[in-house]
């Protein structure tokens, strides 16, 4: 029977799990390929057109990921590649640092490819940043 001293372990869908890293990489490969295929159309809406093509190749080569914690590595969260976009990019208002940290924590703790798709499509004009 359970006592107060027992440790309860909840299986968290961590972004650092091997299957989630695999899903994330497959999403990056597929989306980069599609973006390069449709780049003549997508480049028209980009803020930084030249950097958009560069980012597509960086993600395709595995240097960057489309979604993550940004360019600065985070020691307190599971290790993933530097990214072009962050979960905070979905917000249209300026967020405080503690809100951004909560978004990063939520993203890393409960990862799904659907979140990546939502972030990429909602920030499609910023893929060249």
N, C-alpha and C. Protein backbone atom coordinates (compact mmCIF):
# COMPACT_ATOMS: atom_id res chain seq x y z
N UNK A 1 0.86 -1.18 0.00
CA UNK A 1 0.00 0.00 0.00
C UNK A 1 0.90 1.24 0.00
N UNK A 2 0.40 2.29 -0.62
CA UNK A 2 1.18 3.52 -0.74
C UNK A 2 1.27 4.25 0.60
N UNK A 3 2.45 4.74 0.87
CA UNK A 3 2.65 5.56 2.07
C UNK A 3 3.12 6.95 1.64
N UNK A 4 3.18 7.85 2.59
CA UNK A 4 3.57 9.23 2.28
C UNK A 4 5.01 9.32 1.78
N UNK A 5 5.84 8.35 2.07
CA UNK A 5 7.24 8.40 1.67
C UNK A 5 7.51 7.84 0.28
N UNK A 6 6.50 7.27 -0.38
CA UNK A 6 6.69 6.71 -1.71
C UNK A 6 6.89 7.80 -2.75
N UNK A 7 7.71 7.48 -3.73
CA UNK A 7 7.97 8.41 -4.82
C UNK A 7 7.07 8.04 -5.99
N UNK A 8 6.33 9.01 -6.45
CA UNK A 8 5.48 8.80 -7.61
C UNK A 8 6.18 9.37 -8.83
N UNK A 9 6.36 8.55 -9.83
CA UNK A 9 7.04 8.98 -11.04
C UNK A 9 5.99 9.11 -12.14
N UNK A 10 5.92 10.30 -12.70
CA UNK A 10 5.01 10.55 -13.81
C UNK A 10 5.81 10.51 -15.09
N UNK A 11 5.35 9.75 -16.06
CA UNK A 11 6.04 9.65 -17.33
C UNK A 11 5.77 10.93 -18.11
N UNK A 12 6.78 11.77 -18.21
CA UNK A 12 6.67 13.04 -18.90
C UNK A 12 7.14 12.84 -20.34
N UNK A 13 6.44 13.46 -21.27
CA UNK A 13 6.79 13.36 -22.69
C UNK A 13 7.89 14.37 -23.01
N UNK A 14 9.05 14.16 -22.45
CA UNK A 14 10.19 15.05 -22.51
C UNK A 14 10.72 15.18 -23.93
N UNK A 15 11.13 16.39 -24.32
CA UNK A 15 11.68 16.63 -25.65
C UNK A 15 13.03 15.91 -25.83
N UNK A 16 13.68 15.56 -24.75
CA UNK A 16 14.97 14.88 -24.82
C UNK A 16 14.89 13.38 -25.00
N UNK A 17 13.68 12.80 -24.92
CA UNK A 17 13.54 11.36 -25.13
C UNK A 17 13.95 11.00 -26.55
N UNK A 18 14.58 9.84 -26.72
CA UNK A 18 15.03 9.46 -28.07
C UNK A 18 13.93 9.47 -29.13
N UNK A 19 12.75 8.98 -28.79
CA UNK A 19 11.68 8.97 -29.82
C UNK A 19 11.21 10.38 -30.15
N UNK A 20 11.23 11.29 -29.18
CA UNK A 20 10.83 12.67 -29.46
C UNK A 20 11.91 13.40 -30.24
N UNK A 21 13.16 13.10 -29.97
CA UNK A 21 14.26 13.70 -30.74
C UNK A 21 14.17 13.23 -32.20
N UNK A 22 13.80 11.96 -32.39
CA UNK A 22 13.64 11.42 -33.73
C UNK A 22 12.48 12.09 -34.45
N UNK A 23 11.35 12.25 -33.75
CA UNK A 23 10.20 12.93 -34.34
C UNK A 23 10.53 14.37 -34.70
N UNK A 24 11.25 15.04 -33.83
CA UNK A 24 11.63 16.43 -34.05
C UNK A 24 12.53 16.54 -35.28
N UNK A 25 13.49 15.62 -35.41
CA UNK A 25 14.39 15.64 -36.57
C UNK A 25 13.64 15.35 -37.86
N UNK A 26 12.70 14.39 -37.82
CA UNK A 26 11.90 14.09 -39.01
C UNK A 26 11.05 15.28 -39.42
N UNK A 27 10.48 15.96 -38.43
CA UNK A 27 9.71 17.17 -38.73
C UNK A 27 10.61 18.23 -39.37
N UNK A 28 11.82 18.41 -38.82
CA UNK A 28 12.75 19.39 -39.37
C UNK A 28 13.12 19.06 -40.82
N UNK A 29 13.40 17.80 -41.08
CA UNK A 29 13.76 17.38 -42.44
C UNK A 29 12.60 17.59 -43.42
N UNK A 30 11.42 17.13 -43.03
CA UNK A 30 10.26 17.25 -43.92
C UNK A 30 9.88 18.71 -44.16
N UNK A 31 9.85 19.50 -43.10
CA UNK A 31 9.45 20.89 -43.26
C UNK A 31 10.49 21.69 -44.04
N UNK A 32 11.77 21.42 -43.83
CA UNK A 32 12.82 22.12 -44.59
C UNK A 32 12.73 21.78 -46.07
N UNK A 33 12.50 20.50 -46.36
CA UNK A 33 12.35 20.10 -47.75
C UNK A 33 11.17 20.78 -48.42
N UNK A 34 10.04 20.82 -47.72
CA UNK A 34 8.86 21.49 -48.27
C UNK A 34 9.08 22.99 -48.41
N UNK A 35 9.75 23.58 -47.44
CA UNK A 35 10.00 25.02 -47.52
C UNK A 35 10.94 25.36 -48.66
N UNK A 36 11.94 24.52 -48.90
CA UNK A 36 12.82 24.75 -50.04
C UNK A 36 12.07 24.56 -51.35
N UNK A 37 11.17 23.59 -51.39
CA UNK A 37 10.38 23.35 -52.58
C UNK A 37 9.47 24.54 -52.89
N UNK A 38 8.88 25.11 -51.85
CA UNK A 38 7.97 26.24 -52.03
C UNK A 38 8.65 27.59 -51.74
N UNK A 39 9.98 27.60 -51.73
CA UNK A 39 10.70 28.83 -51.41
C UNK A 39 10.41 30.00 -52.34
N UNK A 40 10.15 29.77 -53.64
CA UNK A 40 9.80 30.95 -54.46
C UNK A 40 8.56 31.69 -53.95
N UNK A 41 7.63 30.97 -53.35
CA UNK A 41 6.44 31.63 -52.80
C UNK A 41 6.68 32.12 -51.38
N UNK A 42 7.34 31.30 -50.56
CA UNK A 42 7.57 31.65 -49.15
C UNK A 42 8.52 32.83 -48.99
N UNK A 43 9.44 32.98 -49.92
CA UNK A 43 10.43 34.05 -49.80
C UNK A 43 9.76 35.42 -49.92
N UNK A 44 8.62 35.47 -50.57
CA UNK A 44 7.91 36.75 -50.74
C UNK A 44 7.39 37.31 -49.43
N UNK A 45 7.09 36.44 -48.46
CA UNK A 45 6.51 36.91 -47.20
C UNK A 45 7.53 37.00 -46.07
N UNK A 46 8.79 36.63 -46.35
CA UNK A 46 9.82 36.64 -45.31
C UNK A 46 10.33 38.05 -45.04
N UNK A 47 10.64 38.31 -43.78
CA UNK A 47 11.23 39.59 -43.39
C UNK A 47 12.69 39.66 -43.83
N UNK A 48 13.43 38.57 -43.65
CA UNK A 48 14.82 38.49 -44.04
C UNK A 48 14.95 37.35 -45.05
N UNK A 49 14.87 37.69 -46.32
CA UNK A 49 14.75 36.69 -47.38
C UNK A 49 15.99 35.80 -47.52
N UNK A 50 17.16 36.40 -47.48
CA UNK A 50 18.39 35.62 -47.66
C UNK A 50 18.63 34.67 -46.48
N UNK A 51 18.34 35.14 -45.29
CA UNK A 51 18.53 34.31 -44.10
C UNK A 51 17.52 33.16 -44.07
N UNK A 52 16.37 33.32 -44.70
CA UNK A 52 15.38 32.24 -44.77
C UNK A 52 15.96 31.02 -45.48
N UNK A 53 16.57 31.24 -46.63
CA UNK A 53 17.18 30.13 -47.39
C UNK A 53 18.32 29.51 -46.58
N UNK A 54 19.11 30.37 -45.95
CA UNK A 54 20.21 29.89 -45.11
C UNK A 54 19.69 29.02 -43.96
N UNK A 55 18.63 29.47 -43.31
CA UNK A 55 18.04 28.69 -42.21
C UNK A 55 17.49 27.36 -42.69
N UNK A 56 16.89 27.34 -43.86
CA UNK A 56 16.38 26.07 -44.41
C UNK A 56 17.51 25.05 -44.56
N UNK A 57 18.65 25.50 -45.07
CA UNK A 57 19.78 24.58 -45.24
C UNK A 57 20.41 24.21 -43.90
N UNK A 58 20.46 25.16 -42.96
CA UNK A 58 21.00 24.84 -41.64
C UNK A 58 20.16 23.78 -40.93
N UNK A 59 18.84 23.89 -41.05
CA UNK A 59 17.95 22.91 -40.42
C UNK A 59 18.06 21.58 -41.16
N UNK A 60 18.14 21.62 -42.48
CA UNK A 60 18.26 20.40 -43.27
C UNK A 60 19.55 19.65 -42.94
N UNK A 61 20.63 20.38 -42.70
CA UNK A 61 21.92 19.76 -42.35
C UNK A 61 22.02 19.36 -40.89
N UNK A 62 21.06 19.77 -40.06
CA UNK A 62 21.07 19.38 -38.65
C UNK A 62 21.83 20.33 -37.76
N UNK A 63 22.19 21.50 -38.26
CA UNK A 63 22.89 22.49 -37.43
C UNK A 63 21.90 23.17 -36.49
N UNK A 64 20.74 23.51 -37.03
CA UNK A 64 19.66 24.13 -36.26
C UNK A 64 18.43 23.25 -36.30
N UNK A 65 17.47 23.60 -35.46
CA UNK A 65 16.13 23.02 -35.50
C UNK A 65 15.18 24.19 -35.72
N UNK A 66 14.00 23.93 -36.23
CA UNK A 66 13.06 25.04 -36.44
C UNK A 66 12.56 25.59 -35.10
N UNK A 67 12.25 24.72 -34.16
CA UNK A 67 11.69 25.17 -32.88
C UNK A 67 12.53 24.64 -31.73
N UNK A 68 12.78 25.49 -30.77
CA UNK A 68 13.56 25.11 -29.60
C UNK A 68 13.64 26.26 -28.62
N UNK A 69 14.79 26.38 -27.97
CA UNK A 69 14.98 27.42 -26.95
C UNK A 69 15.66 28.66 -27.51
N UNK A 70 15.90 28.73 -28.79
CA UNK A 70 16.61 29.86 -29.38
C UNK A 70 18.06 29.50 -29.62
N UNK A 71 18.87 30.51 -29.79
CA UNK A 71 20.28 30.28 -30.12
C UNK A 71 21.15 30.03 -28.89
N UNK A 72 20.70 30.47 -27.71
CA UNK A 72 21.49 30.28 -26.49
C UNK A 72 21.18 28.92 -25.85
N UNK A 73 22.21 28.13 -25.52
CA UNK A 73 21.95 26.84 -24.87
C UNK A 73 21.39 27.03 -23.46
N UNK A 74 20.54 26.10 -23.05
CA UNK A 74 19.94 26.14 -21.72
C UNK A 74 20.44 24.94 -20.93
N UNK A 75 21.00 25.19 -19.77
CA UNK A 75 21.52 24.11 -18.91
C UNK A 75 20.42 23.49 -18.07
N UNK A 76 19.33 24.22 -17.83
CA UNK A 76 18.27 23.75 -16.95
C UNK A 76 17.20 22.93 -17.66
N UNK A 77 17.28 22.83 -18.98
CA UNK A 77 16.29 22.09 -19.77
C UNK A 77 16.99 21.01 -20.59
N UNK A 78 16.25 20.02 -21.08
CA UNK A 78 16.87 18.97 -21.90
C UNK A 78 17.59 19.57 -23.10
N UNK A 79 18.73 19.01 -23.43
CA UNK A 79 19.56 19.54 -24.51
C UNK A 79 18.94 19.24 -25.87
N UNK A 80 18.74 20.31 -26.64
CA UNK A 80 18.32 20.19 -28.04
C UNK A 80 19.15 21.19 -28.84
N UNK A 81 19.06 21.10 -30.16
CA UNK A 81 19.85 21.97 -31.02
C UNK A 81 19.39 23.42 -30.92
N UNK A 82 20.28 24.36 -31.24
CA UNK A 82 19.85 25.76 -31.32
C UNK A 82 18.72 25.87 -32.35
N UNK A 83 17.87 26.88 -32.19
CA UNK A 83 16.69 26.93 -33.05
C UNK A 83 16.49 28.30 -33.68
N UNK A 84 15.68 28.30 -34.71
CA UNK A 84 15.29 29.52 -35.40
C UNK A 84 14.15 30.19 -34.64
N UNK A 85 13.18 29.40 -34.20
CA UNK A 85 12.00 29.91 -33.49
C UNK A 85 11.95 29.35 -32.07
N UNK A 86 11.18 30.01 -31.21
CA UNK A 86 10.95 29.53 -29.85
C UNK A 86 9.44 29.50 -29.60
N UNK A 87 8.99 28.81 -28.57
CA UNK A 87 7.56 28.83 -28.24
C UNK A 87 7.05 30.24 -27.92
N UNK A 88 7.93 31.14 -27.51
CA UNK A 88 7.53 32.51 -27.20
C UNK A 88 7.22 33.32 -28.46
N UNK A 89 7.66 32.85 -29.62
CA UNK A 89 7.41 33.57 -30.87
C UNK A 89 5.95 33.56 -31.29
N UNK A 90 5.17 32.65 -30.73
CA UNK A 90 3.74 32.59 -31.05
C UNK A 90 3.01 33.81 -30.48
N UNK A 91 3.48 34.28 -29.33
CA UNK A 91 2.85 35.42 -28.68
C UNK A 91 3.13 36.69 -29.46
N UNK A 92 2.10 37.49 -29.66
CA UNK A 92 2.25 38.74 -30.39
C UNK A 92 2.66 39.90 -29.49
N UNK A 93 2.65 39.66 -28.18
CA UNK A 93 3.05 40.71 -27.24
C UNK A 93 4.41 40.37 -26.64
N UNK A 94 5.07 41.36 -26.11
CA UNK A 94 6.37 41.16 -25.46
C UNK A 94 6.16 40.46 -24.12
N UNK A 95 6.83 39.34 -23.92
CA UNK A 95 6.69 38.56 -22.69
C UNK A 95 7.86 38.83 -21.75
N UNK A 96 7.57 38.73 -20.46
CA UNK A 96 8.63 38.87 -19.46
C UNK A 96 9.42 37.57 -19.39
N UNK A 97 10.62 37.65 -18.84
CA UNK A 97 11.53 36.51 -18.79
C UNK A 97 10.94 35.31 -18.06
N UNK A 98 10.17 35.54 -16.97
CA UNK A 98 9.60 34.41 -16.25
C UNK A 98 8.52 33.70 -17.06
N UNK A 99 7.76 34.44 -17.86
CA UNK A 99 6.75 33.83 -18.74
C UNK A 99 7.42 33.02 -19.85
N UNK A 100 8.51 33.55 -20.39
CA UNK A 100 9.25 32.84 -21.43
C UNK A 100 9.83 31.55 -20.87
N UNK A 101 10.37 31.59 -19.66
CA UNK A 101 10.90 30.39 -19.03
C UNK A 101 9.81 29.34 -18.81
N UNK A 102 8.61 29.79 -18.43
CA UNK A 102 7.49 28.85 -18.26
C UNK A 102 7.09 28.22 -19.60
N UNK A 103 7.10 29.01 -20.67
CA UNK A 103 6.80 28.46 -22.00
C UNK A 103 7.84 27.43 -22.41
N UNK A 104 9.12 27.73 -22.16
CA UNK A 104 10.18 26.78 -22.49
C UNK A 104 10.05 25.50 -21.67
N UNK A 105 9.74 25.63 -20.39
CA UNK A 105 9.56 24.47 -19.52
C UNK A 105 8.40 23.61 -19.99
N UNK A 106 7.29 24.25 -20.34
CA UNK A 106 6.12 23.53 -20.83
C UNK A 106 6.44 22.82 -22.14
N UNK A 107 7.16 23.50 -23.03
CA UNK A 107 7.53 22.91 -24.31
C UNK A 107 8.42 21.69 -24.11
N UNK A 108 9.41 21.81 -23.23
CA UNK A 108 10.34 20.70 -23.04
C UNK A 108 9.72 19.53 -22.28
N UNK A 109 8.76 19.83 -21.41
CA UNK A 109 8.16 18.78 -20.59
C UNK A 109 7.08 18.00 -21.34
N UNK A 110 6.34 18.67 -22.19
CA UNK A 110 5.23 18.04 -22.89
C UNK A 110 5.37 18.30 -24.39
N UNK A 111 6.35 17.65 -25.01
CA UNK A 111 6.64 17.88 -26.43
C UNK A 111 5.66 17.15 -27.33
N UNK A 112 5.33 17.80 -28.44
CA UNK A 112 4.59 17.13 -29.51
C UNK A 112 4.94 17.81 -30.83
N UNK A 113 4.89 17.05 -31.90
CA UNK A 113 5.17 17.59 -33.22
C UNK A 113 4.11 18.64 -33.57
N UNK A 114 2.90 18.45 -33.08
CA UNK A 114 1.82 19.40 -33.35
C UNK A 114 2.18 20.79 -32.83
N UNK A 115 2.86 20.85 -31.69
CA UNK A 115 3.31 22.15 -31.16
C UNK A 115 4.31 22.80 -32.11
N UNK A 116 5.24 21.99 -32.62
CA UNK A 116 6.21 22.52 -33.57
C UNK A 116 5.52 23.05 -34.82
N UNK A 117 4.55 22.31 -35.33
CA UNK A 117 3.82 22.73 -36.53
C UNK A 117 3.10 24.05 -36.26
N UNK A 118 2.45 24.14 -35.11
CA UNK A 118 1.72 25.36 -34.76
C UNK A 118 2.66 26.56 -34.66
N UNK A 119 3.79 26.37 -34.04
CA UNK A 119 4.76 27.47 -33.86
C UNK A 119 5.32 27.90 -35.21
N UNK A 120 5.66 26.94 -36.08
CA UNK A 120 6.21 27.29 -37.39
C UNK A 120 5.18 28.02 -38.24
N UNK A 121 3.94 27.51 -38.28
CA UNK A 121 2.93 28.16 -39.12
C UNK A 121 2.49 29.51 -38.58
N UNK A 122 2.48 29.68 -37.27
CA UNK A 122 2.06 30.98 -36.72
C UNK A 122 3.17 32.02 -36.86
N UNK A 123 4.41 31.58 -37.03
CA UNK A 123 5.54 32.50 -37.17
C UNK A 123 6.20 32.36 -38.53
N UNK A 124 5.44 32.04 -39.54
CA UNK A 124 6.02 31.73 -40.87
C UNK A 124 6.75 32.92 -41.47
N UNK A 125 6.37 34.13 -41.12
CA UNK A 125 7.04 35.32 -41.64
C UNK A 125 8.40 35.54 -40.98
N UNK A 126 8.65 34.88 -39.87
CA UNK A 126 9.89 35.08 -39.11
C UNK A 126 10.91 33.94 -39.30
N UNK A 127 10.72 33.10 -40.29
CA UNK A 127 11.64 31.98 -40.49
C UNK A 127 13.02 32.42 -40.98
N UNK A 128 13.14 33.66 -41.37
CA UNK A 128 14.42 34.18 -41.81
C UNK A 128 15.19 34.91 -40.73
N UNK A 129 14.67 34.93 -39.53
CA UNK A 129 15.36 35.64 -38.44
C UNK A 129 16.53 34.85 -37.91
